[in-house]
């Protein structure tokens, strides 16, 4: 039962898996001072909901239906500078948490974490503090003075957000032309990105790039399925 008087903290959920949305809604609604004011599956639905529901905080996944969570976080922060965001994702936190923080989120919780960590992270963010695991915090501090935002020693971490998005789309079977159309860029620009990705990953052919991308996406999807079941 919600407490009377003060308005509860309004939270918007952005995730394309129904079971995750159901679980988060129940988890958040069990807190007497929180309420879920809306939920959606991708970027196209977010901005109208922000305007109509006026959330205090958004819980958002990295992988979304027809959109990229990192790009969405950046776009939300650019338009709603004071709106707080927590990323709740199954992706490797050492690779994605620094990117999410850089894009404008204030916290990152892996979907394999205990549900209590989600609530703790939300409360920490509402107090104006960063909510990340100790190992992510150590990585951020270690590279605070560096121009790069990702820890060294990981070739995937060397990819920019755009390159990582293209890499994932290649792994899902999209052609360079299809990726160009989806992202609203020229085929030549996408080909340049592809060459840079290959160089960063130490690959000498497009076929090897696609094979590695498929393997990576397959593993990410396996982890995602395990996090939902």
C-alpha atoms as a PDB file:
ATOM      1  CA  UNK A   1       0.000   0.000   0.000  1.00  0.00           C
ATOM      2  CA  UNK A   2       1.352   3.406  -1.001  1.00  0.00           C
ATOM      3  CA  UNK A   3       1.960   5.972   1.695  1.00  0.00           C
ATOM      4  CA  UNK A   4      -0.380   8.947   1.750  1.00  0.00           C
ATOM      5  CA  UNK A   5       0.807  12.519   1.452  1.00  0.00           C
ATOM      6  CA  UNK A   6       4.052  12.780  -0.500  1.00  0.00           C
ATOM      7  CA  UNK A   7       3.944  11.890  -4.177  1.00  0.00           C
ATOM      8  CA  UNK A   8       5.646   8.540  -4.821  1.00  0.00           C
ATOM      9  CA  UNK A   9       8.714   8.445  -7.054  1.00  0.00           C
ATOM     10  CA  UNK A  10       7.513   7.790 -10.592  1.00  0.00           C
ATOM     11  CA  UNK A  11       9.522   5.216 -12.563  1.00  0.00           C
ATOM     12  CA  UNK A  12       9.308   4.405 -16.278  1.00  0.00           C
ATOM     13  CA  UNK A  13      10.471   0.964 -17.492  1.00  0.00           C
ATOM     14  CA  UNK A  14      11.979   0.554 -20.978  1.00  0.00           C
ATOM     15  CA  UNK A  15      12.620  -3.101 -21.864  1.00  0.00           C
ATOM     16  CA  UNK A  16      11.515  -5.285 -24.781  1.00  0.00           C
ATOM     17  CA  UNK A  17      11.041  -8.477 -22.716  1.00  0.00           C
ATOM     18  CA  UNK A  18       7.547  -8.776 -21.177  1.00  0.00           C
ATOM     19  CA  UNK A  19       8.701 -10.990 -18.292  1.00  0.00           C
ATOM     20  CA  UNK A  20      11.388  -8.479 -17.321  1.00  0.00           C
ATOM     21  CA  UNK A  21       8.845  -5.636 -17.370  1.00  0.00           C
ATOM     22  CA  UNK A  22       6.413  -7.687 -15.267  1.00  0.00           C
ATOM     23  CA  UNK A  23       9.126  -8.572 -12.752  1.00  0.00           C
ATOM     24  CA  UNK A  24      10.425  -5.014 -12.480  1.00  0.00           C
ATOM     25  CA  UNK A  25       6.916  -3.621 -12.119  1.00  0.00           C
ATOM     26  CA  UNK A  26       6.155  -5.973  -9.235  1.00  0.00           C
ATOM     27  CA  UNK A  27       9.541  -5.347  -7.607  1.00  0.00           C
ATOM     28  CA  UNK A  28       9.249  -1.562  -7.815  1.00  0.00           C
ATOM     29  CA  UNK A  29       5.554  -1.459  -6.867  1.00  0.00           C
ATOM     30  CA  UNK A  30       6.315  -3.349  -3.642  1.00  0.00           C
ATOM     31  CA  UNK A  31       8.177  -0.258  -2.427  1.00  0.00           C
ATOM     32  CA  UNK A  32       5.717   2.065  -0.652  1.00  0.00           C
ATOM     33  CA  UNK A  33       7.323   5.233  -2.018  1.00  0.00           C
ATOM     34  CA  UNK A  34       7.739   4.057  -5.632  1.00  0.00           C
ATOM     35  CA  UNK A  35       5.275   3.581  -8.476  1.00  0.00           C
ATOM     36  CA  UNK A  36       5.655   2.444 -12.074  1.00  0.00           C
ATOM     37  CA  UNK A  37       4.115   5.197 -14.182  1.00  0.00           C
ATOM     38  CA  UNK A  38       4.548   3.459 -17.533  1.00  0.00           C
ATOM     39  CA  UNK A  39       6.444   0.933 -19.603  1.00  0.00           C
ATOM     40  CA  UNK A  40       7.494   0.575 -23.234  1.00  0.00           C
ATOM     41  CA  UNK A  41       9.653  -1.538 -25.532  1.00  0.00           C
ATOM     42  CA  UNK A  42      11.706   0.859 -27.666  1.00  0.00           C
ATOM     43  CA  UNK A  43      12.840   4.423 -28.323  1.00  0.00           C
ATOM     44  CA  UNK A  44       9.837   5.422 -30.410  1.00  0.00           C
ATOM     45  CA  UNK A  45       7.526   5.120 -27.406  1.00  0.00           C
ATOM     46  CA  UNK A  46       9.767   6.726 -24.795  1.00  0.00           C
ATOM     47  CA  UNK A  47       9.544  10.454 -25.434  1.00  0.00           C
ATOM     48  CA  UNK A  48       5.714  10.650 -25.566  1.00  0.00           C
ATOM     49  CA  UNK A  49       5.612   8.701 -22.280  1.00  0.00           C
ATOM     50  CA  UNK A  50       8.156  10.993 -20.638  1.00  0.00           C
ATOM     51  CA  UNK A  51       6.037  13.996 -21.608  1.00  0.00           C
ATOM     52  CA  UNK A  52       2.740  12.472 -20.492  1.00  0.00           C
ATOM     53  CA  UNK A  53       3.791  10.514 -17.390  1.00  0.00           C
ATOM     54  CA  UNK A  54       6.560  12.797 -16.053  1.00  0.00           C
ATOM     55  CA  UNK A  55       8.805  10.062 -14.563  1.00  0.00           C
ATOM     56  CA  UNK A  56      11.479  10.860 -11.992  1.00  0.00           C
ATOM     57  CA  UNK A  57      13.665   7.962 -13.142  1.00  0.00           C
ATOM     58  CA  UNK A  58      13.872   5.578 -16.085  1.00  0.00           C
ATOM     59  CA  UNK A  59      15.030   1.953 -15.901  1.00  0.00           C
ATOM     60  CA  UNK A  60      16.296   1.084 -19.390  1.00  0.00           C
ATOM     61  CA  UNK A  61      17.897  -1.914 -21.105  1.00  0.00           C
ATOM     62  CA  UNK A  62      20.815  -1.697 -23.558  1.00  0.00           C
ATOM     63  CA  UNK A  63      19.222  -4.004 -26.159  1.00  0.00           C
ATOM     64  CA  UNK A  64      15.822  -2.759 -27.239  1.00  0.00           C
ATOM     65  CA  UNK A  65      13.323  -3.519 -29.974  1.00  0.00           C
ATOM     66  CA  UNK A  66      14.346  -1.557 -33.093  1.00  0.00           C
ATOM     67  CA  UNK A  67      16.661   0.745 -31.145  1.00  0.00           C
ATOM     68  CA  UNK A  68      19.918   1.023 -29.239  1.00  0.00           C
ATOM     69  CA  UNK A  69      19.801   1.722 -25.510  1.00  0.00           C
ATOM     70  CA  UNK A  70      23.026   3.739 -25.404  1.00  0.00           C
ATOM     71  CA  UNK A  71      21.810   6.060 -28.156  1.00  0.00           C
ATOM     72  CA  UNK A  72      18.461   6.379 -26.392  1.00  0.00           C
ATOM     73  CA  UNK A  73      20.122   7.297 -23.091  1.00  0.00           C
ATOM     74  CA  UNK A  74      22.184   9.973 -24.829  1.00  0.00           C
ATOM     75  CA  UNK A  75      19.103  11.397 -26.589  1.00  0.00           C
ATOM     76  CA  UNK A  76      17.037  11.439 -23.388  1.00  0.00           C
ATOM     77  CA  UNK A  77      19.808  13.188 -21.461  1.00  0.00           C
ATOM     78  CA  UNK A  78      20.174  15.782 -24.199  1.00  0.00           C
ATOM     79  CA  UNK A  79      16.460  16.649 -24.043  1.00  0.00           C
ATOM     80  CA  UNK A  80      15.711  16.049 -20.345  1.00  0.00           C
ATOM     81  CA  UNK A  81      18.920  17.010 -18.571  1.00  0.00           C
ATOM     82  CA  UNK A  82      17.665  16.385 -15.028  1.00  0.00           C
ATOM     83  CA  UNK A  83      15.984  13.032 -15.711  1.00  0.00           C
ATOM     84  CA  UNK A  84      17.780  10.186 -13.943  1.00  0.00           C
ATOM     85  CA  UNK A  85      18.401   6.818 -15.599  1.00  0.00           C
ATOM     86  CA  UNK A  86      19.409   3.347 -14.432  1.00  0.00           C
ATOM     87  CA  UNK A  87      20.531   0.698 -16.915  1.00  0.00           C
ATOM     88  CA  UNK A  88      19.277  -2.823 -16.184  1.00  0.00           C
ATOM     89  CA  UNK A  89      20.891  -5.186 -18.674  1.00  0.00           C
ATOM     90  CA  UNK A  90      22.400  -8.637 -19.136  1.00  0.00           C
ATOM     91  CA  UNK A  91      25.383  -7.282 -21.093  1.00  0.00           C
ATOM     92  CA  UNK A  92      28.931  -7.373 -19.715  1.00  0.00           C
ATOM     93  CA  UNK A  93      29.090  -4.502 -17.241  1.00  0.00           C
ATOM     94  CA  UNK A  94      32.798  -3.881 -17.761  1.00  0.00           C
ATOM     95  CA  UNK A  95      32.112  -3.244 -21.443  1.00  0.00           C
ATOM     96  CA  UNK A  96      28.762  -1.477 -21.255  1.00  0.00           C
ATOM     97  CA  UNK A  97      28.536   0.253 -17.856  1.00  0.00           C
ATOM     98  CA  UNK A  98      31.191   2.903 -18.652  1.00  0.00           C
ATOM     99  CA  UNK A  99      29.453   3.563 -21.981  1.00  0.00           C
ATOM    100  CA  UNK A 100      26.092   3.931 -20.253  1.00  0.00           C
ATOM    101  CA  UNK A 101      27.508   6.348 -17.667  1.00  0.00           C
ATOM    102  CA  UNK A 102      29.224   8.323 -20.407  1.00  0.00           C
ATOM    103  CA  UNK A 103      25.921   8.501 -22.325  1.00  0.00           C
ATOM    104  CA  UNK A 104      24.094   9.944 -19.311  1.00  0.00           C
ATOM    105  CA  UNK A 105      22.923   7.114 -17.049  1.00  0.00           C
ATOM    106  CA  UNK A 106      23.716   7.219 -13.333  1.00  0.00           C
ATOM    107  CA  UNK A 107      23.804   3.505 -12.669  1.00  0.00           C
ATOM    108  CA  UNK A 108      24.141   0.016 -14.105  1.00  0.00           C
ATOM    109  CA  UNK A 109      22.747  -3.224 -12.660  1.00  0.00           C
ATOM    110  CA  UNK A 110      23.264  -6.588 -14.332  1.00  0.00           C
ATOM    111  CA  UNK A 111      20.137  -8.721 -14.739  1.00  0.00           C
ATOM    112  CA  UNK A 112      21.862 -11.572 -12.938  1.00  0.00           C
ATOM    113  CA  UNK A 113      22.108  -9.444  -9.786  1.00  0.00           C
ATOM    114  CA  UNK A 114      19.826  -9.893  -6.760  1.00  0.00           C
ATOM    115  CA  UNK A 115      16.550  -7.923  -7.198  1.00  0.00           C
ATOM    116  CA  UNK A 116      17.376  -5.908  -4.060  1.00  0.00           C
ATOM    117  CA  UNK A 117      20.300  -4.382  -5.960  1.00  0.00           C
ATOM    118  CA  UNK A 118      17.856  -2.747  -8.378  1.00  0.00           C
ATOM    119  CA  UNK A 119      16.010  -1.010  -5.541  1.00  0.00           C
ATOM    120  CA  UNK A 120      19.280  -0.050  -3.839  1.00  0.00           C
ATOM    121  CA  UNK A 121      20.573   1.400  -7.118  1.00  0.00           C
ATOM    122  CA  UNK A 122      17.384   3.410  -7.684  1.00  0.00           C
ATOM    123  CA  UNK A 123      17.562   4.889  -4.192  1.00  0.00           C
ATOM    124  CA  UNK A 124      21.244   5.703  -4.589  1.00  0.00           C
ATOM    125  CA  UNK A 125      20.619   7.461  -7.919  1.00  0.00           C
ATOM    126  CA  UNK A 126      17.712   9.443  -6.447  1.00  0.00           C
ATOM    127  CA  UNK A 127      20.164  10.719  -3.827  1.00  0.00           C
ATOM    128  CA  UNK A 128      22.393  11.939  -6.636  1.00  0.00           C
ATOM    129  CA  UNK A 129      25.000   9.171  -6.383  1.00  0.00           C
ATOM    130  CA  UNK A 130      26.436   6.847  -9.000  1.00  0.00           C
ATOM    131  CA  UNK A 131      25.198   3.239  -8.695  1.00  0.00           C
ATOM    132  CA  UNK A 132      27.679   0.742 -10.164  1.00  0.00           C
ATOM    133  CA  UNK A 133      29.432  -2.369  -8.897  1.00  0.00           C
ATOM    134  CA  UNK A 134      32.792  -2.155  -7.160  1.00  0.00           C
ATOM    135  CA  UNK A 135      34.674  -3.507 -10.162  1.00  0.00           C
ATOM    136  CA  UNK A 136      33.065  -0.982 -12.518  1.00  0.00           C
ATOM    137  CA  UNK A 137      33.777   1.799 -10.030  1.00  0.00           C
ATOM    138  CA  UNK A 138      37.418   0.751  -9.845  1.00  0.00           C
ATOM    139  CA  UNK A 139      37.632   0.728 -13.633  1.00  0.00           C
ATOM    140  CA  UNK A 140      36.095   4.183 -13.900  1.00  0.00           C
ATOM    141  CA  UNK A 141      38.446   5.606 -11.293  1.00  0.00           C
ATOM    142  CA  UNK A 142      41.474   3.946 -12.866  1.00  0.00           C
ATOM    143  CA  UNK A 143      40.698   5.591 -16.193  1.00  0.00           C
ATOM    144  CA  UNK A 144      39.378   8.917 -14.921  1.00  0.00           C
ATOM    145  CA  UNK A 145      42.417  10.786 -16.200  1.00  0.00           C
ATOM    146  CA  UNK A 146      42.396   8.936 -19.511  1.00  0.00           C
ATOM    147  CA  UNK A 147      40.690  10.180 -22.662  1.00  0.00           C
ATOM    148  CA  UNK A 148      39.275   6.688 -23.281  1.00  0.00           C
ATOM    149  CA  UNK A 149      36.314   5.539 -21.254  1.00  0.00           C
ATOM    150  CA  UNK A 150      36.860   1.793 -21.574  1.00  0.00           C
ATOM    151  CA  UNK A 151      39.457  -0.286 -19.741  1.00  0.00           C
ATOM    152  CA  UNK A 152      42.377  -1.366 -21.865  1.00  0.00           C
ATOM    153  CA  UNK A 153      43.147  -4.944 -22.793  1.00  0.00           C
ATOM    154  CA  UNK A 154      39.776  -5.790 -24.331  1.00  0.00           C
ATOM    155  CA  UNK A 155      39.448  -5.485 -28.114  1.00  0.00           C
ATOM    156  CA  UNK A 156      35.653  -5.235 -27.871  1.00  0.00           C
ATOM    157  CA  UNK A 157      36.063  -2.350 -25.451  1.00  0.00           C
ATOM    158  CA  UNK A 158      38.051  -0.457 -28.089  1.00  0.00           C
ATOM    159  CA  UNK A 159      34.954  -0.199 -30.309  1.00  0.00           C
ATOM    160  CA  UNK A 160      33.007   3.043 -30.203  1.00  0.00           C
ATOM    161  CA  UNK A 161      29.289   2.905 -29.397  1.00  0.00           C
ATOM    162  CA  UNK A 162      28.455   3.227 -33.102  1.00  0.00           C
ATOM    163  CA  UNK A 163      30.957   0.516 -34.049  1.00  0.00           C
ATOM    164  CA  UNK A 164      29.563  -1.802 -31.386  1.00  0.00           C
ATOM    165  CA  UNK A 165      26.041  -1.202 -32.707  1.00  0.00           C
ATOM    166  CA  UNK A 166      27.154  -2.017 -36.270  1.00  0.00           C
ATOM    167  CA  UNK A 167      29.016  -5.105 -35.034  1.00  0.00           C
ATOM    168  CA  UNK A 168      25.845  -6.372 -33.358  1.00  0.00           C
ATOM    169  CA  UNK A 169      23.709  -5.703 -36.443  1.00  0.00           C
ATOM    170  CA  UNK A 170      26.206  -7.618 -38.600  1.00  0.00           C
ATOM    171  CA  UNK A 171      25.922 -10.482 -36.142  1.00  0.00           C
ATOM    172  CA  UNK A 172      22.143 -10.437 -36.565  1.00  0.00           C
ATOM    173  CA  UNK A 173      22.443 -10.879 -40.306  1.00  0.00           C
ATOM    174  CA  UNK A 174      22.083  -7.316 -41.571  1.00  0.00           C
ATOM    175  CA  UNK A 175      24.026  -6.246 -44.638  1.00  0.00           C
ATOM    176  CA  UNK A 176      26.039  -3.034 -44.777  1.00  0.00           C
ATOM    177  CA  UNK A 177      23.354  -1.467 -46.978  1.00  0.00           C
ATOM    178  CA  UNK A 178      20.600  -2.473 -44.555  1.00  0.00           C
ATOM    179  CA  UNK A 179      22.599  -1.072 -41.635  1.00  0.00           C
ATOM    180  CA  UNK A 180      23.137   2.190 -43.517  1.00  0.00           C
ATOM    181  CA  UNK A 181      19.385   2.491 -44.121  1.00  0.00           C
ATOM    182  CA  UNK A 182      18.549   1.697 -40.519  1.00  0.00           C
ATOM    183  CA  UNK A 183      21.022   4.204 -39.099  1.00  0.00           C
ATOM    184  CA  UNK A 184      20.341   6.864 -41.702  1.00  0.00           C
ATOM    185  CA  UNK A 185      23.924   6.962 -42.956  1.00  0.00           C
ATOM    186  CA  UNK A 186      25.612   6.339 -46.306  1.00  0.00           C
ATOM    187  CA  UNK A 187      26.867   2.916 -47.358  1.00  0.00           C
ATOM    188  CA  UNK A 188      30.353   4.406 -47.698  1.00  0.00           C
ATOM    189  CA  UNK A 189      30.269   5.573 -44.067  1.00  0.00           C
ATOM    190  CA  UNK A 190      29.209   2.115 -42.926  1.00  0.00           C
ATOM    191  CA  UNK A 191      31.995   0.529 -44.966  1.00  0.00           C
ATOM    192  CA  UNK A 192      34.481   2.843 -43.263  1.00  0.00           C
ATOM    193  CA  UNK A 193      33.119   1.789 -39.867  1.00  0.00           C
ATOM    194  CA  UNK A 194      33.443  -1.849 -40.910  1.00  0.00           C
ATOM    195  CA  UNK A 195      37.104  -1.378 -41.825  1.00  0.00           C
ATOM    196  CA  UNK A 196      37.795   0.298 -38.468  1.00  0.00           C
ATOM    197  CA  UNK A 197      36.051  -2.508 -36.584  1.00  0.00           C
ATOM    198  CA  UNK A 198      38.114  -5.104 -38.432  1.00  0.00           C
ATOM    199  CA  UNK A 199      41.325  -3.231 -37.629  1.00  0.00           C
ATOM    200  CA  UNK A 200      40.462  -2.930 -33.935  1.00  0.00           C
ATOM    201  CA  UNK A 201      39.543  -6.609 -33.664  1.00  0.00           C
ATOM    202  CA  UNK A 202      42.569  -7.762 -35.636  1.00  0.00           C
ATOM    203  CA  UNK A 203      40.511  -9.336 -38.427  1.00  0.00           C
ATOM    204  CA  UNK A 204      41.642  -9.446 -42.053  1.00  0.00           C
ATOM    205  CA  UNK A 205      38.375 -10.165 -43.871  1.00  0.00           C
ATOM    206  CA  UNK A 206      34.692  -9.266 -43.782  1.00  0.00           C
ATOM    207  CA  UNK A 207      33.839 -12.960 -43.526  1.00  0.00           C
ATOM    208  CA  UNK A 208      35.841 -13.306 -40.309  1.00  0.00           C
ATOM    209  CA  UNK A 209      34.191 -10.161 -38.965  1.00  0.00           C
ATOM    210  CA  UNK A 210      30.699 -11.489 -39.629  1.00  0.00           C
ATOM    211  CA  UNK A 211      31.585 -14.883 -38.122  1.00  0.00           C
ATOM    212  CA  UNK A 212      32.892 -13.269 -34.936  1.00  0.00           C
ATOM    213  CA  UNK A 213      29.863 -10.955 -34.787  1.00  0.00           C
ATOM    214  CA  UNK A 214      27.475 -13.922 -35.112  1.00  0.00           C
ATOM    215  CA  UNK A 215      29.305 -15.802 -32.364  1.00  0.00           C
ATOM    216  CA  UNK A 216      29.184 -12.757 -30.067  1.00  0.00           C
ATOM    217  CA  UNK A 217      25.487 -12.097 -30.696  1.00  0.00           C
ATOM    218  CA  UNK A 218      24.658 -15.779 -30.177  1.00  0.00           C
ATOM    219  CA  UNK A 219      26.407 -15.711 -26.798  1.00  0.00           C
ATOM    220  CA  UNK A 220      24.685 -12.462 -25.804  1.00  0.00           C
ATOM    221  CA  UNK A 221      21.296 -13.929 -26.725  1.00  0.00           C
ATOM    222  CA  UNK A 222      22.053 -17.080 -24.727  1.00  0.00           C
ATOM    223  CA  UNK A 223      22.851 -14.981 -21.668  1.00  0.00           C
ATOM    224  CA  UNK A 224      19.693 -12.956 -22.240  1.00  0.00           C
ATOM    225  CA  UNK A 225      17.529 -16.094 -22.379  1.00  0.00           C
ATOM    226  CA  UNK A 226      19.092 -17.383 -19.179  1.00  0.00           C
ATOM    227  CA  UNK A 227      18.437 -14.064 -17.429  1.00  0.00           C
ATOM    228  CA  UNK A 228      14.745 -14.192 -18.331  1.00  0.00           C
ATOM    229  CA  UNK A 229      14.111 -17.830 -17.363  1.00  0.00           C
END
